[in-house]
Amino acid sequence: MLGAIGVVVLAVSATACFGGPGTAGSSRLSRAAAPETRVVIRAPVGRPARRPAAIAAHCPALARCRPQRAPGVHPEEWSLMATRTLTCGPDRGGYVRPAAACRALRDLVRLEAHPTKVACGCIVPVTPPSSIVGRVDGKEVSFTIDGCSLCGLPGQAGADAGVLVPG
């Protein structure tokens, strides 16, 4: 009798472990758990300063901030860098209006993938650049948001960047 009970317990355990219907191993449940769009957006806030203690900017709501030295600038300059995570579908993260940020993100990624053929002359940045890194609709993205990267894109790209990286 114990042998038959052991076989039943083993069969139930195997079904649960190997992803039978309705189990945690189900690929349908696994796909739903991972968002298709999740990015980290980093951007300087306020004006740069000569030392970290002199930064006058305040961290925006829902962001994490820390001082960062501007690369390649002499004398040294520091900026307050805000880091925000944005997840779309469901829309949530480091923005007061995450749905608007998700729309701007998708639009900016679409525009960035199809730049115009305009040649741009760019100056050397004096603050650390803003950046977006992560996945948008399941595709890896990594790009900079500044005057040079927006040059050559349609005008709507600047409006989208303004939502993601308020100036």
Protein backbone atom coordinates (compact mmCIF):
# COMPACT_ATOMS: atom_id res chain seq x y z
CA MET A 1 0.00 0.00 0.00
CA LEU A 2 2.82 2.42 0.83
CA GLY A 3 4.33 1.75 -2.59
CA ALA A 4 1.15 2.90 -4.39
CA ILE A 5 0.93 6.10 -2.30
CA GLY A 6 4.58 6.84 -3.03
CA VAL A 7 3.94 6.49 -6.79
CA VAL A 8 0.98 8.91 -6.58
CA VAL A 9 3.04 11.46 -4.59
CA LEU A 10 5.88 11.15 -7.10
CA ALA A 11 3.50 11.67 -10.06
CA VAL A 12 1.91 14.78 -8.47
CA SER A 13 5.35 16.20 -7.64
CA ALA A 14 6.64 15.58 -11.16
CA THR A 15 3.61 17.33 -12.68
CA ALA A 16 4.19 20.39 -10.48
CA CYS A 17 7.95 20.49 -11.11
CA PHE A 18 7.78 20.03 -14.88
CA GLY A 19 5.14 22.63 -15.60
CA GLY A 20 1.81 20.87 -15.77
CA PRO A 21 -1.29 23.00 -16.43
CA GLY A 22 -1.78 25.80 -13.90
CA THR A 23 1.62 25.47 -12.23
CA ALA A 24 4.26 28.10 -11.62
CA GLY A 25 6.34 26.47 -14.36
CA SER A 26 3.76 27.38 -16.99
CA SER A 27 5.32 29.48 -19.75
CA ARG A 28 2.14 31.59 -19.95
CA LEU A 29 2.62 32.72 -16.33
CA SER A 30 6.36 33.22 -16.74
CA ARG A 31 5.90 35.51 -19.75
CA ALA A 32 3.30 37.61 -17.94
CA ALA A 33 5.64 38.19 -14.99
CA ALA A 34 8.43 39.85 -17.01
CA PRO A 35 7.59 43.30 -18.43
CA GLU A 36 8.41 43.82 -22.10
CA THR A 37 9.49 47.42 -21.43
CA ARG A 38 11.80 48.32 -18.56
CA VAL A 39 14.47 51.01 -18.80
CA VAL A 40 16.76 52.99 -16.54
CA ILE A 41 16.96 56.69 -17.38
CA ARG A 42 19.84 58.76 -16.00
CA ALA A 43 19.98 62.55 -16.36
CA PRO A 44 21.74 65.52 -14.77
CA VAL A 45 19.53 67.84 -12.71
CA GLY A 46 20.15 71.57 -12.40
CA ARG A 47 23.38 73.46 -13.04
CA PRO A 48 26.84 71.95 -12.56
CA ALA A 49 28.99 73.07 -9.61
CA ARG A 50 32.74 73.12 -8.86
CA ARG A 51 32.37 70.67 -5.97
CA PRO A 52 29.67 68.19 -4.88
CA ALA A 53 28.75 70.17 -1.75
CA ALA A 54 27.99 73.24 -3.91
CA ILE A 55 25.29 71.53 -6.01
CA ALA A 56 22.09 73.54 -5.53
CA ALA A 57 19.72 71.23 -7.47
CA HIS A 58 17.17 69.06 -5.71
CA CYS A 59 16.37 65.47 -6.59
CA PRO A 60 13.09 65.16 -8.53
CA ALA A 61 10.21 63.25 -6.95
CA LEU A 62 10.46 59.46 -7.37
CA ALA A 63 14.12 59.58 -8.55
CA ARG A 64 17.33 58.47 -6.82
CA CYS A 65 20.12 61.05 -7.03
CA ARG A 66 23.84 61.36 -6.40
CA PRO A 67 26.59 63.79 -7.44
CA GLN A 68 28.69 62.77 -10.45
CA ARG A 69 31.78 64.38 -11.93
CA ALA A 70 31.50 65.58 -15.52
CA PRO A 71 33.99 63.54 -17.57
CA GLY A 72 36.85 65.38 -19.28
CA VAL A 73 36.00 68.83 -17.88
CA HIS A 74 38.76 70.94 -16.29
CA PRO A 75 38.46 72.50 -13.80
CA GLU A 76 36.26 69.79 -12.30
CA GLU A 77 32.50 70.15 -12.48
CA TRP A 78 29.90 68.07 -10.68
CA SER A 79 26.22 67.51 -11.47
CA LEU A 80 23.40 65.92 -9.54
CA MET A 81 22.46 62.79 -11.51
CA ALA A 82 18.89 61.50 -11.23
CA THR A 83 18.23 57.83 -11.90
CA ARG A 84 14.70 56.62 -12.64
CA THR A 85 13.37 53.21 -13.59
CA LEU A 86 10.38 53.08 -15.93
CA THR A 87 8.29 49.97 -16.60
CA CYS A 88 5.54 49.99 -19.21
CA GLY A 89 2.69 47.50 -19.32
CA PRO A 90 1.74 48.11 -16.53
CA ASP A 91 3.03 51.69 -16.47
CA ARG A 92 4.94 52.47 -13.27
CA GLY A 93 8.23 53.78 -12.03
CA GLY A 94 10.07 56.99 -11.29
CA TYR A 95 7.63 59.43 -12.91
CA VAL A 96 4.57 61.21 -11.53
CA ARG A 97 2.80 60.37 -14.84
CA PRO A 98 4.30 57.01 -15.88
CA ALA A 99 1.80 56.49 -18.75
CA ALA A 100 2.94 59.75 -20.38
CA ALA A 101 6.58 58.74 -19.85
CA CYS A 102 5.92 55.35 -21.49
CA ARG A 103 4.30 57.01 -24.53
CA ALA A 104 7.25 59.43 -24.84
CA LEU A 105 9.75 56.56 -24.46
CA ARG A 106 8.16 54.44 -27.21
CA ASP A 107 7.90 57.45 -29.52
CA LEU A 108 11.51 58.51 -28.89
CA VAL A 109 12.79 54.97 -29.55
CA ARG A 110 10.77 54.87 -32.79
CA LEU A 111 12.14 58.24 -33.94
CA GLU A 112 15.70 57.36 -32.89
CA ALA A 113 15.58 54.22 -35.05
CA HIS A 114 14.87 56.32 -38.18
CA PRO A 115 16.94 59.53 -38.06
CA THR A 116 16.84 62.07 -40.85
CA LYS A 117 19.95 62.65 -42.95
CA VAL A 118 20.69 66.06 -41.39
CA ALA A 119 24.36 66.68 -40.49
CA CYS A 120 24.87 68.16 -37.04
CA GLY A 121 27.76 70.06 -35.49
CA CYS A 122 28.03 69.31 -31.79
CA ILE A 123 29.92 70.96 -28.96
CA VAL A 124 31.66 69.12 -26.13
CA PRO A 125 29.14 68.52 -23.33
CA VAL A 126 29.95 70.06 -19.93
CA THR A 127 27.69 67.79 -17.90
CA PRO A 128 27.35 64.01 -17.83
CA PRO A 129 24.98 62.99 -20.64
CA SER A 130 21.46 61.68 -20.11
CA SER A 131 20.96 58.07 -21.11
CA ILE A 132 18.34 55.37 -21.57
CA VAL A 133 19.30 51.71 -21.17
CA GLY A 134 17.05 48.66 -21.05
CA ARG A 135 14.33 46.94 -23.08
CA VAL A 136 11.50 48.60 -25.00
CA ASP A 137 8.81 46.26 -26.31
CA GLY A 138 11.20 43.34 -25.89
CA LYS A 139 14.14 44.93 -27.77
CA GLU A 140 17.39 46.08 -26.17
CA VAL A 141 17.96 49.84 -26.27
CA SER A 142 20.88 52.00 -25.21
CA PHE A 143 21.26 55.60 -26.29
CA THR A 144 22.19 59.08 -25.13
CA ILE A 145 19.77 61.97 -24.89
CA ASP A 146 21.47 65.30 -25.56
CA GLY A 147 21.54 68.01 -28.21
CA CYS A 148 23.80 65.96 -30.46
CA SER A 149 21.76 62.76 -30.28
CA LEU A 150 18.49 64.64 -30.87
CA CYS A 151 19.90 66.62 -33.78
CA GLY A 152 18.71 65.06 -37.02
CA LEU A 153 15.55 63.64 -35.44
CA PRO A 154 12.07 65.08 -36.04
CA GLY A 155 10.95 67.86 -33.69
CA GLN A 156 8.74 65.51 -31.68
CA ALA A 157 11.91 63.82 -30.36
CA GLY A 158 12.73 66.94 -28.34
CA ALA A 159 9.25 66.96 -26.80
CA ASP A 160 9.56 63.26 -25.93
CA ALA A 161 13.00 63.84 -24.39
CA GLY A 162 11.51 66.71 -22.36
CA VAL A 163 9.02 64.30 -20.78
CA LEU A 164 11.70 61.72 -19.95
CA VAL A 165 14.47 64.16 -18.98
CA PRO A 166 12.82 67.36 -17.78
CA GLY A 167 15.16 70.30 -18.26
